[in-house]
C-alpha atoms as a PDB file:
ATOM      1  CA  MET A   1       0.000   0.000   0.000  1.00  0.00           C
ATOM      2  CA  LYS A   2       1.452   3.332  -1.048  1.00  0.00           C
ATOM      3  CA  ILE A   3       0.692   6.276   1.213  1.00  0.00           C
ATOM      4  CA  GLU A   4       0.508   9.883   0.041  1.00  0.00           C
ATOM      5  CA  LEU A   5       3.180  12.102   1.590  1.00  0.00           C
ATOM      6  CA  PRO A   6       4.045  15.787   1.226  1.00  0.00           C
ATOM      7  CA  LYS A   7       6.827  16.169  -1.364  1.00  0.00           C
ATOM      8  CA  PRO A   8       9.758  16.919   0.998  1.00  0.00           C
ATOM      9  CA  ILE A   9       8.883  13.929   3.176  1.00  0.00           C
ATOM     10  CA  ALA A  10       8.362  11.667   0.168  1.00  0.00           C
ATOM     11  CA  ASN A  11      11.757  12.779  -1.177  1.00  0.00           C
ATOM     12  CA  TYR A  12      13.405  11.975   2.163  1.00  0.00           C
ATOM     13  CA  VAL A  13      11.765   8.520   2.384  1.00  0.00           C
ATOM     14  CA  GLU A  14      12.694   7.694  -1.227  1.00  0.00           C
ATOM     15  CA  ALA A  15      16.325   8.778  -0.695  1.00  0.00           C
ATOM     16  CA  ASN A  16      16.488   6.758   2.531  1.00  0.00           C
ATOM     17  CA  ALA A  17      15.340   3.667   0.608  1.00  0.00           C
ATOM     18  CA  ARG A  18      18.401   4.181  -1.658  1.00  0.00           C
ATOM     19  CA  LEU A  19      20.670   5.011   1.333  1.00  0.00           C
ATOM     20  CA  ASP A  20      21.453   8.279  -0.491  1.00  0.00           C
ATOM     21  CA  VAL A  21      22.863  10.778   2.036  1.00  0.00           C
ATOM     22  CA  GLU A  22      22.682  13.764  -0.329  1.00  0.00           C
ATOM     23  CA  GLY A  23      19.106  12.930  -1.241  1.00  0.00           C
ATOM     24  CA  MET A  24      18.130  12.557   2.428  1.00  0.00           C
ATOM     25  CA  LEU A  25      19.677  15.935   3.313  1.00  0.00           C
ATOM     26  CA  LYS A  26      18.177  17.892   0.420  1.00  0.00           C
ATOM     27  CA  PRO A  27      14.573  18.150   1.770  1.00  0.00           C
ATOM     28  CA  PHE A  28      15.755  19.599   5.099  1.00  0.00           C
ATOM     29  CA  ALA A  29      15.924  23.342   5.761  1.00  0.00           C
ATOM     30  CA  VAL A  30      19.481  24.582   6.341  1.00  0.00           C
ATOM     31  CA  ASP A  31      18.731  25.115  10.048  1.00  0.00           C
ATOM     32  CA  ALA A  32      16.584  21.990  10.511  1.00  0.00           C
ATOM     33  CA  VAL A  33      16.580  20.162  13.830  1.00  0.00           C
ATOM     34  CA  VAL A  34      16.394  16.378  14.220  1.00  0.00           C
ATOM     35  CA  LEU A  35      15.695  14.820  17.608  1.00  0.00           C
ATOM     36  CA  ASP A  36      16.708  11.170  17.445  1.00  0.00           C
ATOM     37  CA  ASN A  37      16.830   8.873  20.435  1.00  0.00           C
ATOM     38  CA  GLY A  38      17.133  11.853  22.780  1.00  0.00           C
ATOM     39  CA  ASP A  39      19.977  13.460  20.823  1.00  0.00           C
ATOM     40  CA  ARG A  40      19.635  16.834  19.071  1.00  0.00           C
ATOM     41  CA  HIS A  41      21.195  17.400  15.642  1.00  0.00           C
ATOM     42  CA  GLU A  42      20.962  20.865  14.085  1.00  0.00           C
ATOM     43  CA  GLY A  43      21.892  22.002  10.590  1.00  0.00           C
ATOM     44  CA  HIS A  44      23.072  20.094   7.550  1.00  0.00           C
ATOM     45  CA  ALA A  45      26.571  19.331   8.903  1.00  0.00           C
ATOM     46  CA  GLU A  46      25.221  17.611  12.018  1.00  0.00           C
ATOM     47  CA  LEU A  47      22.487  15.861  10.032  1.00  0.00           C
ATOM     48  CA  ARG A  48      25.087  14.563   7.559  1.00  0.00           C
ATOM     49  CA  THR A  49      27.137  13.168  10.457  1.00  0.00           C
ATOM     50  CA  LEU A  50      24.048  11.498  11.916  1.00  0.00           C
ATOM     51  CA  LEU A  51      23.178   9.887   8.582  1.00  0.00           C
ATOM     52  CA  GLU A  52      26.749   8.812   7.828  1.00  0.00           C
ATOM     53  CA  GLU A  53      27.326   7.356  11.306  1.00  0.00           C
ATOM     54  CA  ALA A  54      23.915   5.970  12.343  1.00  0.00           C
ATOM     55  CA  VAL A  55      21.968   5.207   9.150  1.00  0.00           C
ATOM     56  CA  ILE A  56      24.327   4.243   6.337  1.00  0.00           C
ATOM     57  CA  PRO A  57      26.592   1.758   8.211  1.00  0.00           C
ATOM     58  CA  VAL A  58      23.615  -0.322   9.394  1.00  0.00           C
ATOM     59  CA  LYS A  59      21.591   0.190   6.200  1.00  0.00           C
ATOM     60  CA  ALA A  60      18.630   1.531   8.222  1.00  0.00           C
ATOM     61  CA  ILE A  61      15.649   2.000   5.914  1.00  0.00           C
ATOM     62  CA  PHE A  62      12.401   3.424   7.299  1.00  0.00           C
ATOM     63  CA  THR A  63       9.248   2.257   5.501  1.00  0.00           C
ATOM     64  CA  PRO A  64       6.209   4.208   6.692  1.00  0.00           C
ATOM     65  CA  ASP A  65       2.915   2.357   6.619  1.00  0.00           C
ATOM     66  CA  THR A  66       0.652   4.970   8.239  1.00  0.00           C
ATOM     67  CA  VAL A  67       0.400   8.740   8.026  1.00  0.00           C
ATOM     68  CA  ARG A  68      -1.691  11.257   9.931  1.00  0.00           C
ATOM     69  CA  HIS A  69      -1.728  15.009  10.431  1.00  0.00           C
ATOM     70  CA  GLU A  70      -1.601  16.138  14.058  1.00  0.00           C
ATOM     71  CA  SER A  71      -1.004  19.576  15.600  1.00  0.00           C
ATOM     72  CA  GLY A  72       0.642  20.958  12.465  1.00  0.00           C
ATOM     73  CA  GLN A  73       2.893  17.939  12.031  1.00  0.00           C
ATOM     74  CA  VAL A  74       2.923  15.015   9.627  1.00  0.00           C
ATOM     75  CA  VAL A  75       3.233  11.853  11.701  1.00  0.00           C
ATOM     76  CA  LEU A  76       4.475   8.653  10.086  1.00  0.00           C
ATOM     77  CA  LYS A  77       4.716   5.223  11.672  1.00  0.00           C
ATOM     78  CA  GLY A  78       6.381   2.151  10.297  1.00  0.00           C
ATOM     79  CA  PRO A  79       9.245  -0.288  10.552  1.00  0.00           C
ATOM     80  CA  ALA A  80      12.921   0.389  10.010  1.00  0.00           C
ATOM     81  CA  HIS A  81      14.880  -2.552   8.654  1.00  0.00           C
ATOM     82  CA  GLY A  82      18.624  -2.918   8.563  1.00  0.00           C
ATOM     83  CA  ASP A  83      21.713  -4.578   9.949  1.00  0.00           C
ATOM     84  CA  PHE A  84      21.038  -3.636  13.578  1.00  0.00           C
ATOM     85  CA  LYS A  85      19.912  -5.483  16.681  1.00  0.00           C
ATOM     86  CA  GLY A  86      16.146  -5.988  16.851  1.00  0.00           C
ATOM     87  CA  SER A  87      15.519  -5.226  13.175  1.00  0.00           C
ATOM     88  CA  PRO A  88      12.853  -4.455  12.197  1.00  0.00           C
ATOM     89  CA  ILE A  89      11.872  -1.871  14.808  1.00  0.00           C
ATOM     90  CA  ARG A  90       8.726   0.294  14.552  1.00  0.00           C
ATOM     91  CA  PHE A  91       9.365   4.015  14.739  1.00  0.00           C
ATOM     92  CA  THR A  92       7.297   7.186  14.781  1.00  0.00           C
ATOM     93  CA  TYR A  93       8.600  10.103  12.705  1.00  0.00           C
ATOM     94  CA  ARG A  94       7.067  13.520  13.458  1.00  0.00           C
ATOM     95  CA  PHE A  95       7.844  15.995  10.676  1.00  0.00           C
ATOM     96  CA  THR A  96       7.339  19.748  10.857  1.00  0.00           C
ATOM     97  CA  LEU A  97       7.315  21.417   7.443  1.00  0.00           C
ATOM     98  CA  ASP A  98       8.000  25.039   6.559  1.00  0.00           C
ATOM     99  CA  ASN A  99       8.061  26.477   3.017  1.00  0.00           C
ATOM    100  CA  ASP A 100       8.290  23.055   1.337  1.00  0.00           C
ATOM    101  CA  ALA A 101      11.212  21.970   3.524  1.00  0.00           C
ATOM    102  CA  ILE A 102      11.554  19.785   6.579  1.00  0.00           C
ATOM    103  CA  LYS A 103      12.093  22.174   9.491  1.00  0.00           C
ATOM    104  CA  ALA A 104      12.105  19.555  12.247  1.00  0.00           C
ATOM    105  CA  LEU A 105      11.961  15.801  12.674  1.00  0.00           C
ATOM    106  CA  GLU A 106      11.484  13.882  15.904  1.00  0.00           C
ATOM    107  CA  ILE A 107      12.154  10.141  15.787  1.00  0.00           C
ATOM    108  CA  THR A 108      10.810   7.947  18.607  1.00  0.00           C
ATOM    109  CA  LEU A 109       9.994   4.305  19.231  1.00  0.00           C
END
């Protein structure tokens, strides 16, 4: 089942499926903030480090299977598969968009 996503989020998800760091970074605003597992990453340089150190080595691919809009955010849920303990693990991704860019992303279990 294919779900309809706003373009910047769809671009991020599609790039993640290819493990394409540049493609995953492109939809984010320059000053975007990602909260992942309690850690805060701000701006493209920190996001690149996060992707290169935590996503690419373990081939972590998030495949959303539900989407809802809540309090101005786009909330996705689905499994992440990869070469990591417990794979697959279900995650919730809460995206905040601004001017066709991802302004913030919070990733939780």
